Amino acid sequence: MEFFGTYVWPAIVIVAQSLLFLVVLLVLIAYILLADRKIWAAVQMRRGPNVVGPWGLFQSFADLLKFVLKEPTVPAASDKIVFLLAPLVAVTLALATFAVVPVAEGWVIADINIGILYIFAIASLEVYGVIMGGWASNSKYAFLGALRSAAQMVSYEVSIGFVIVTVLLCVGSLNLTDIVLAQNTGLGTMLGLPGSFLDWHWLALFPMFVIFFISALAETNRPPFDLPEAESELVAGFMVEYGSTPYMMFMLGEYAAITLMCSLMTILFLGGWLPPFDFAPFTWVPGVIWFLLKVAFCFFLFAMVKAFVPRYRYDQLMRLGWKVFLPISLASVVVVAFVLQVTGWAAS
């Protein structure tokens, strides 16, 4: 009985929580995909998806059904096992990162001390799904797309890492819940104001917030950094040979990674589930609602960038990553550490 109480029951609880969280997450991703198309359409003064269900609300589910019911084709010259394993790897890793994301106080599947490190480690493995897909397709286009994608993701992970370090210096903990709770006090409370959105890290670390946002776009292969899928040059990048369910899994992995980056922006810079003002009507709203609203706001920024920023050239992309963001983020780590040390604000 002790064995059951110590090992079996907690395992059952974690599996149940994970399944519930995944179902909610996948529905959220379906609507994020719809929002992406709707925002893009609105910028171009079109209607966007509006046939399936009221205002096209079920469009993503119709697309899912279409992809699932189509016959998957595997190219004769491809490495079949790796070819089919690649989308699975991409989507599994993208969804696995959400295990440590707290959506409200105490609402997290695994509240581990090194949450941010775990996310960083798993997110850097996502490149492998892309490389496997590009290589196993046995096609020049797919291979070039995979090479570009891998180089791009690795390049921008470096600056994202340093940006995260600046936040960690201010907080003094790798636990994502602690990072959010540390934003209860900040610049606003130092000036004698009540707790508000001025305490969050976006204000104190504004340049870092901007660098993180742009690096997140590059990391998730979003326009203007969608070089791996540059339709005009490489057809569909590393997904050229994919169709039906494997293609859908790649797309799901991509949007899961985008949702993760929006969640990370919310947690690191926008105060997670904390209300924008720490007094009456705002504190009545549950934390999870604030969290979802902030994630939606971050995704709106992603979608708007896609709608009106022209695509970068590949050499410009690499220059931005290595010659602009890397030196700035490195210097900012030093500056933040210096300021915290001199003023004595460093988290003990």
Protein backbone atom coordinates (compact mmCIF):
# COMPACT_ATOMS: atom_id res chain seq x y z
CA MET A 1 0.00 0.00 0.00
CA GLU A 2 2.87 2.33 0.78
CA PHE A 3 4.28 1.63 -2.70
CA PHE A 4 0.90 2.58 -4.21
CA GLY A 5 0.74 5.83 -2.22
CA THR A 6 4.35 6.79 -2.97
CA TYR A 7 4.69 5.88 -6.64
CA VAL A 8 1.51 4.65 -8.37
CA TRP A 9 -0.98 7.31 -7.25
CA PRO A 10 1.32 10.32 -8.01
CA ALA A 11 2.03 8.77 -11.43
CA ILE A 12 -1.71 8.44 -12.16
CA VAL A 13 -2.27 12.07 -11.10
CA ILE A 14 0.57 13.34 -13.30
CA VAL A 15 -0.69 11.37 -16.34
CA ALA A 16 -4.24 12.70 -15.80
CA GLN A 17 -2.98 16.28 -15.42
CA SER A 18 -0.80 15.93 -18.52
CA LEU A 19 -3.66 14.60 -20.66
CA LEU A 20 -6.02 17.35 -19.51
CA PHE A 21 -3.36 20.00 -20.11
CA LEU A 22 -2.54 18.59 -23.57
CA VAL A 23 -6.21 18.61 -24.63
CA VAL A 24 -6.61 22.25 -23.55
CA LEU A 25 -3.27 23.17 -25.16
CA LEU A 26 -4.15 21.55 -28.50
CA VAL A 27 -7.52 23.33 -28.62
CA LEU A 28 -5.71 26.58 -27.80
CA ILE A 29 -3.20 25.94 -30.60
CA ALA A 30 -6.09 25.28 -33.02
CA TYR A 31 -7.53 28.72 -32.22
CA ILE A 32 -4.11 30.37 -32.33
CA LEU A 33 -3.74 29.00 -35.87
CA LEU A 34 -7.16 30.42 -36.74
CA ALA A 35 -6.22 33.78 -35.17
CA ASP A 36 -3.04 33.80 -37.27
CA ARG A 37 -5.05 33.42 -40.48
CA LYS A 38 -7.74 35.89 -39.37
CA ILE A 39 -5.23 38.62 -38.43
CA TRP A 40 -3.33 38.12 -41.67
CA ALA A 41 -6.60 38.36 -43.59
CA ALA A 42 -7.66 41.51 -41.70
CA VAL A 43 -4.40 43.28 -42.53
CA GLN A 44 -4.94 42.46 -46.22
CA MET A 45 -8.62 43.51 -45.93
CA ARG A 46 -9.90 39.99 -46.60
CA ARG A 47 -12.43 37.94 -44.63
CA GLY A 48 -10.20 34.99 -43.76
CA PRO A 49 -11.64 31.53 -42.91
CA ASN A 50 -15.40 32.09 -42.46
CA VAL A 51 -17.23 29.02 -43.81
CA VAL A 52 -16.71 26.16 -41.35
CA GLY A 53 -18.81 26.96 -38.27
CA PRO A 54 -19.79 30.48 -37.13
CA TRP A 55 -17.09 32.99 -38.26
CA GLY A 56 -14.94 30.04 -39.30
CA LEU A 57 -14.37 28.95 -35.69
CA PHE A 58 -14.10 25.26 -36.61
CA GLN A 59 -11.75 25.78 -39.56
CA SER A 60 -8.70 24.34 -37.75
CA PHE A 61 -10.62 21.19 -36.80
CA ALA A 62 -11.78 20.74 -40.40
CA ASP A 63 -8.15 21.06 -41.54
CA LEU A 64 -7.10 18.49 -38.92
CA LEU A 65 -9.73 16.05 -40.21
CA LYS A 66 -8.63 16.64 -43.81
CA PHE A 67 -4.97 15.93 -42.98
CA VAL A 68 -5.78 12.83 -40.90
CA LEU A 69 -7.96 11.30 -43.65
CA LYS A 70 -5.49 11.86 -46.48
CA GLU A 71 -3.18 9.04 -47.48
CA PRO A 72 0.41 9.61 -46.32
CA THR A 73 2.92 9.26 -49.15
CA VAL A 74 6.49 8.25 -48.43
CA PRO A 75 8.98 8.97 -51.26
CA ALA A 76 10.56 5.80 -52.66
CA ALA A 77 14.11 7.14 -52.28
CA SER A 78 13.68 8.29 -48.68
CA ASP A 79 14.84 6.69 -45.44
CA LYS A 80 11.36 5.60 -44.39
CA ILE A 81 11.87 5.13 -40.64
CA VAL A 82 13.66 8.45 -40.11
CA PHE A 83 11.23 10.14 -42.52
CA LEU A 84 8.23 9.17 -40.37
CA LEU A 85 10.06 9.61 -37.07
CA ALA A 86 11.02 13.25 -37.78
CA PRO A 87 7.54 14.85 -37.39
CA LEU A 88 6.95 12.70 -34.30
CA VAL A 89 10.18 13.98 -32.72
CA ALA A 90 9.31 17.58 -33.61
CA VAL A 91 5.83 17.48 -32.11
CA THR A 92 6.74 15.43 -29.00
CA LEU A 93 9.57 17.77 -28.02
CA ALA A 94 7.46 20.88 -28.69
CA LEU A 95 4.68 19.60 -26.41
CA ALA A 96 7.04 18.19 -23.75
CA THR A 97 8.35 21.67 -22.89
CA PHE A 98 4.95 22.67 -21.46
CA ALA A 99 5.40 20.31 -18.49
CA VAL A 100 7.12 23.07 -16.49
CA VAL A 101 5.09 26.10 -17.66
CA PRO A 102 3.00 27.53 -14.78
CA VAL A 103 -0.29 29.01 -16.06
CA ALA A 104 -1.36 30.20 -12.59
CA GLU A 105 0.01 29.88 -9.06
CA GLY A 106 0.34 26.14 -8.36
CA TRP A 107 -1.06 25.23 -11.81
CA VAL A 108 1.99 23.42 -13.17
CA ILE A 109 2.58 19.74 -13.91
CA ALA A 110 6.23 19.61 -12.78
CA ASP A 111 7.29 22.47 -10.52
CA ILE A 112 11.03 21.81 -10.77
CA ASN A 113 13.86 24.08 -9.57
CA ILE A 114 15.49 24.26 -13.00
CA GLY A 115 12.36 24.84 -15.09
CA ILE A 116 13.93 27.40 -17.41
CA LEU A 117 16.93 25.14 -18.02
CA TYR A 118 14.62 22.25 -18.90
CA ILE A 119 12.74 24.40 -21.43
CA PHE A 120 16.00 25.62 -22.94
CA ALA A 121 17.37 22.07 -23.23
CA ILE A 122 14.25 20.58 -24.84
CA ALA A 123 13.74 23.58 -27.14
CA SER A 124 17.28 23.18 -28.49
CA LEU A 125 16.53 19.53 -29.30
CA GLU A 126 13.66 20.58 -31.58
CA VAL A 127 16.23 21.24 -34.30
CA TYR A 128 16.70 17.48 -34.61
CA GLY A 129 13.16 16.91 -35.92
CA VAL A 130 13.85 19.41 -38.68
CA ILE A 131 17.27 17.96 -39.56
CA MET A 132 15.90 14.39 -39.62
CA GLY A 133 13.00 15.44 -41.85
CA GLY A 134 15.24 17.30 -44.29
CA TRP A 135 17.84 14.57 -44.50
CA ALA A 136 15.48 11.58 -44.73
CA SER A 137 13.46 13.15 -47.58
CA ASN A 138 16.44 12.60 -49.90
CA SER A 139 15.64 15.81 -51.78
CA LYS A 140 17.88 18.80 -52.45
CA TYR A 141 15.22 21.34 -51.49
CA ALA A 142 14.38 19.61 -48.23
CA PHE A 143 18.03 19.23 -47.31
CA LEU A 144 18.81 22.91 -47.97
CA GLY A 145 15.75 23.92 -45.97
CA ALA A 146 16.83 21.74 -43.04
CA LEU A 147 20.38 23.15 -43.12
CA ARG A 148 19.08 26.72 -43.07
CA SER A 149 16.63 25.95 -40.32
CA ALA A 150 19.23 24.25 -38.12
CA ALA A 151 21.74 27.10 -38.57
CA GLN A 152 19.08 29.70 -37.83
CA MET A 153 17.71 28.00 -34.70
CA VAL A 154 21.18 27.45 -33.26
CA SER A 155 22.24 31.06 -34.01
CA TYR A 156 19.31 32.65 -32.21
CA GLU A 157 19.29 30.25 -29.26
CA VAL A 158 22.55 31.84 -28.11
CA SER A 159 21.08 35.32 -27.74
CA ILE A 160 17.87 33.93 -26.18
CA GLY A 161 20.11 32.18 -23.62
CA PHE A 162 21.87 35.41 -22.65
CA VAL A 163 18.58 37.31 -22.45
CA ILE A 164 17.25 34.65 -20.07
CA VAL A 165 20.44 35.01 -17.99
CA THR A 166 19.73 38.74 -17.49
CA VAL A 167 16.26 37.88 -16.15
CA LEU A 168 17.71 35.17 -13.91
CA LEU A 169 20.22 37.67 -12.46
CA CYS A 170 17.30 39.88 -11.43
CA VAL A 171 15.33 36.98 -9.94
CA GLY A 172 17.99 34.67 -8.50
CA SER A 173 16.08 31.46 -9.31
CA LEU A 174 15.60 29.09 -12.26
CA ASN A 175 12.09 28.15 -11.13
CA LEU A 176 9.45 29.67 -13.45
CA THR A 177 6.99 30.27 -10.58
CA ASP A 178 9.67 32.20 -8.65
CA ILE A 179 10.40 34.27 -11.77
CA VAL A 180 6.73 35.33 -11.93
CA LEU A 181 6.42 36.01 -8.18
CA ALA A 182 9.61 38.13 -8.27
CA GLN A 183 7.70 40.54 -10.54
CA ASN A 184 5.32 41.50 -7.69
CA THR A 185 7.86 44.19 -6.86
CA GLY A 186 9.96 46.19 -9.28
CA LEU A 187 10.54 49.68 -10.70
CA GLY A 188 6.99 50.82 -9.93
CA THR A 189 7.04 49.82 -6.25
CA MET A 190 10.50 51.43 -5.86
CA LEU A 191 8.90 54.72 -6.96
CA GLY A 192 6.22 54.23 -4.30
CA LEU A 193 3.41 53.21 -6.69
CA PRO A 194 1.08 50.28 -5.89
CA GLY A 195 1.89 46.95 -7.60
CA SER A 196 1.22 47.29 -11.33
CA PHE A 197 2.49 46.33 -14.79
CA LEU A 198 5.38 48.78 -14.27
CA ASP A 199 6.99 46.22 -11.91
CA TRP A 200 7.31 43.56 -14.59
CA HIS A 201 10.63 42.94 -16.27
CA TRP A 202 9.58 44.35 -19.65
CA LEU A 203 10.25 47.86 -18.39
CA ALA A 204 13.49 47.33 -16.46
CA LEU A 205 14.90 45.05 -19.17
CA PHE A 206 13.21 46.61 -22.21
CA PRO A 207 16.07 46.06 -24.72
CA MET A 208 16.19 42.42 -23.61
CA PHE A 209 12.45 42.12 -24.18
CA VAL A 210 12.85 43.35 -27.76
CA ILE A 211 15.81 41.03 -28.44
CA PHE A 212 13.92 38.09 -26.95
CA PHE A 213 10.88 38.81 -29.12
CA ILE A 214 12.88 39.03 -32.36
CA SER A 215 14.99 35.98 -31.47
CA ALA A 216 11.79 34.07 -30.68
CA LEU A 217 10.53 34.87 -34.20
CA ALA A 218 13.77 33.54 -35.68
CA GLU A 219 13.84 30.52 -33.35
CA THR A 220 10.33 29.41 -34.39
CA ASN A 221 10.91 30.09 -38.12
CA ARG A 222 8.24 32.79 -38.27
CA PRO A 223 8.24 35.57 -40.87
CA PRO A 224 10.33 37.71 -41.43
CA PHE A 225 12.74 34.87 -40.60
CA ASP A 226 10.91 32.03 -42.39
CA LEU A 227 13.97 31.34 -44.54
CA PRO A 228 13.73 27.54 -44.21
CA GLU A 229 10.31 27.66 -45.88
CA ALA A 230 11.01 30.48 -48.33
CA GLU A 231 8.40 29.45 -50.91
CA SER A 232 9.99 31.50 -53.67
CA GLU A 233 13.33 29.69 -53.36
CA LEU A 234 12.97 26.35 -51.58
CA VAL A 235 9.33 25.40 -52.30
CA ALA A 236 8.31 24.41 -48.74
CA GLY A 237 11.72 24.00 -47.11
CA PHE A 238 12.27 20.80 -45.18
CA MET A 239 8.58 19.87 -45.49
CA VAL A 240 8.64 19.48 -49.31
CA GLU A 241 8.10 15.73 -49.36
CA TYR A 242 5.60 15.65 -46.48
CA GLY A 243 1.83 15.43 -46.76
CA SER A 244 -1.22 14.42 -44.70
CA THR A 245 -0.59 13.53 -41.03
CA PRO A 246 3.23 13.90 -40.90
CA TYR A 247 2.94 17.40 -42.41
CA MET A 248 0.22 18.27 -39.90
CA MET A 249 2.49 17.11 -37.07
CA PHE A 250 5.27 19.43 -38.26
CA MET A 251 2.82 22.33 -38.36
CA LEU A 252 1.51 21.41 -34.91
CA GLY A 253 5.08 21.30 -33.58
CA GLU A 254 5.76 24.71 -35.10
CA TYR A 255 2.68 26.32 -33.54
CA ALA A 256 3.36 24.59 -30.20
CA ALA A 257 6.84 26.15 -30.26
CA ILE A 258 5.30 29.56 -31.01
CA THR A 259 2.85 29.14 -28.11
CA LEU A 260 5.79 28.20 -25.88
CA MET A 261 7.71 31.33 -26.88
CA CYS A 262 4.63 33.47 -26.17
CA SER A 263 4.30 31.77 -22.76
CA LEU A 264 7.99 32.39 -22.04
CA MET A 265 7.68 36.07 -22.97
CA THR A 266 4.69 36.27 -20.63
CA ILE A 267 6.50 34.56 -17.74
CA LEU A 268 9.89 36.27 -18.09
CA PHE A 269 8.80 39.81 -18.99
CA LEU A 270 5.04 40.29 -18.62
CA GLY A 271 4.52 39.03 -15.08
CA GLY A 272 2.94 35.64 -15.89
CA TRP A 273 -0.47 35.39 -14.21
CA LEU A 274 -0.10 38.62 -12.17
CA PRO A 275 -2.85 41.22 -12.77
CA PRO A 276 -1.77 44.49 -14.47
CA PHE A 277 -2.90 46.46 -11.37
CA ASP A 278 -2.73 44.97 -7.90
CA PHE A 279 -6.09 46.25 -6.61
CA ALA A 280 -9.78 45.36 -6.50
CA PRO A 281 -11.47 44.68 -9.84
CA PHE A 282 -8.25 43.36 -11.44
CA THR A 283 -7.38 40.95 -8.62
CA TRP A 284 -10.83 39.31 -8.87
CA VAL A 285 -10.00 37.90 -12.31
CA PRO A 286 -8.38 34.41 -11.99
CA GLY A 287 -4.64 34.33 -12.76
CA VAL A 288 -5.04 31.83 -15.60
CA ILE A 289 -7.24 34.34 -17.50
CA TRP A 290 -4.53 37.03 -17.25
CA PHE A 291 -1.95 34.48 -18.41
CA LEU A 292 -4.02 33.54 -21.48
CA LEU A 293 -4.69 37.21 -22.31
CA LYS A 294 -0.96 37.99 -22.18
CA VAL A 295 -0.12 34.96 -24.35
CA ALA A 296 -2.79 36.11 -26.82
CA PHE A 297 -1.24 39.60 -26.85
CA CYS A 298 2.23 38.15 -27.54
CA PHE A 299 0.82 36.02 -30.35
CA PHE A 300 -0.93 39.09 -31.80
CA LEU A 301 2.52 40.71 -32.06
CA PHE A 302 3.82 37.55 -33.82
CA ALA A 303 0.91 37.62 -36.28
CA MET A 304 1.25 41.34 -37.04
CA VAL A 305 4.95 40.96 -37.75
CA LYS A 306 4.10 38.16 -40.18
CA ALA A 307 1.59 40.40 -41.92
CA PHE A 308 3.74 43.44 -42.69
CA VAL A 309 7.47 42.78 -42.35
CA PRO A 310 9.28 41.71 -45.54
CA ARG A 311 11.45 38.60 -45.45
CA TYR A 312 15.13 38.90 -44.54
CA ARG A 313 17.93 37.69 -46.80
CA TYR A 314 19.83 34.74 -45.36
CA ASP A 315 23.11 36.62 -44.83
CA GLN A 316 21.21 39.48 -43.13
CA LEU A 317 19.58 36.97 -40.82
CA MET A 318 22.92 35.50 -39.76
CA ARG A 319 24.49 38.94 -39.40
CA LEU A 320 21.66 40.06 -37.13
CA GLY A 321 22.02 36.98 -34.93
CA TRP A 322 25.79 36.88 -34.55
CA LYS A 323 26.96 40.48 -35.03
CA VAL A 324 24.10 42.45 -33.48
CA PHE A 325 22.14 40.43 -30.93
CA LEU A 326 24.99 38.34 -29.54
CA PRO A 327 27.26 41.32 -28.60
CA ILE A 328 24.29 43.34 -27.24
CA SER A 329 22.97 40.48 -25.11
CA LEU A 330 26.49 39.61 -23.86
CA ALA A 331 27.14 43.24 -22.92
CA SER A 332 23.75 43.50 -21.23
CA VAL A 333 24.51 40.47 -19.02
CA VAL A 334 27.59 42.34 -17.78
CA VAL A 335 25.70 45.64 -17.36
CA VAL A 336 22.78 44.04 -15.48
CA ALA A 337 25.16 42.14 -13.18
CA PHE A 338 27.14 45.34 -12.53
CA VAL A 339 24.04 47.43 -11.76
CA LEU A 340 22.60 44.77 -9.44
CA GLN A 341 25.93 44.46 -7.61
CA VAL A 342 26.50 48.22 -7.21
CA THR A 343 22.95 49.04 -6.11
CA GLY A 344 22.63 45.97 -3.90
CA TRP A 345 19.36 44.92 -5.62
CA ALA A 346 20.79 41.48 -6.44
CA ALA A 347 18.54 38.63 -5.33
CA SER A 348 20.14 37.02 -2.30
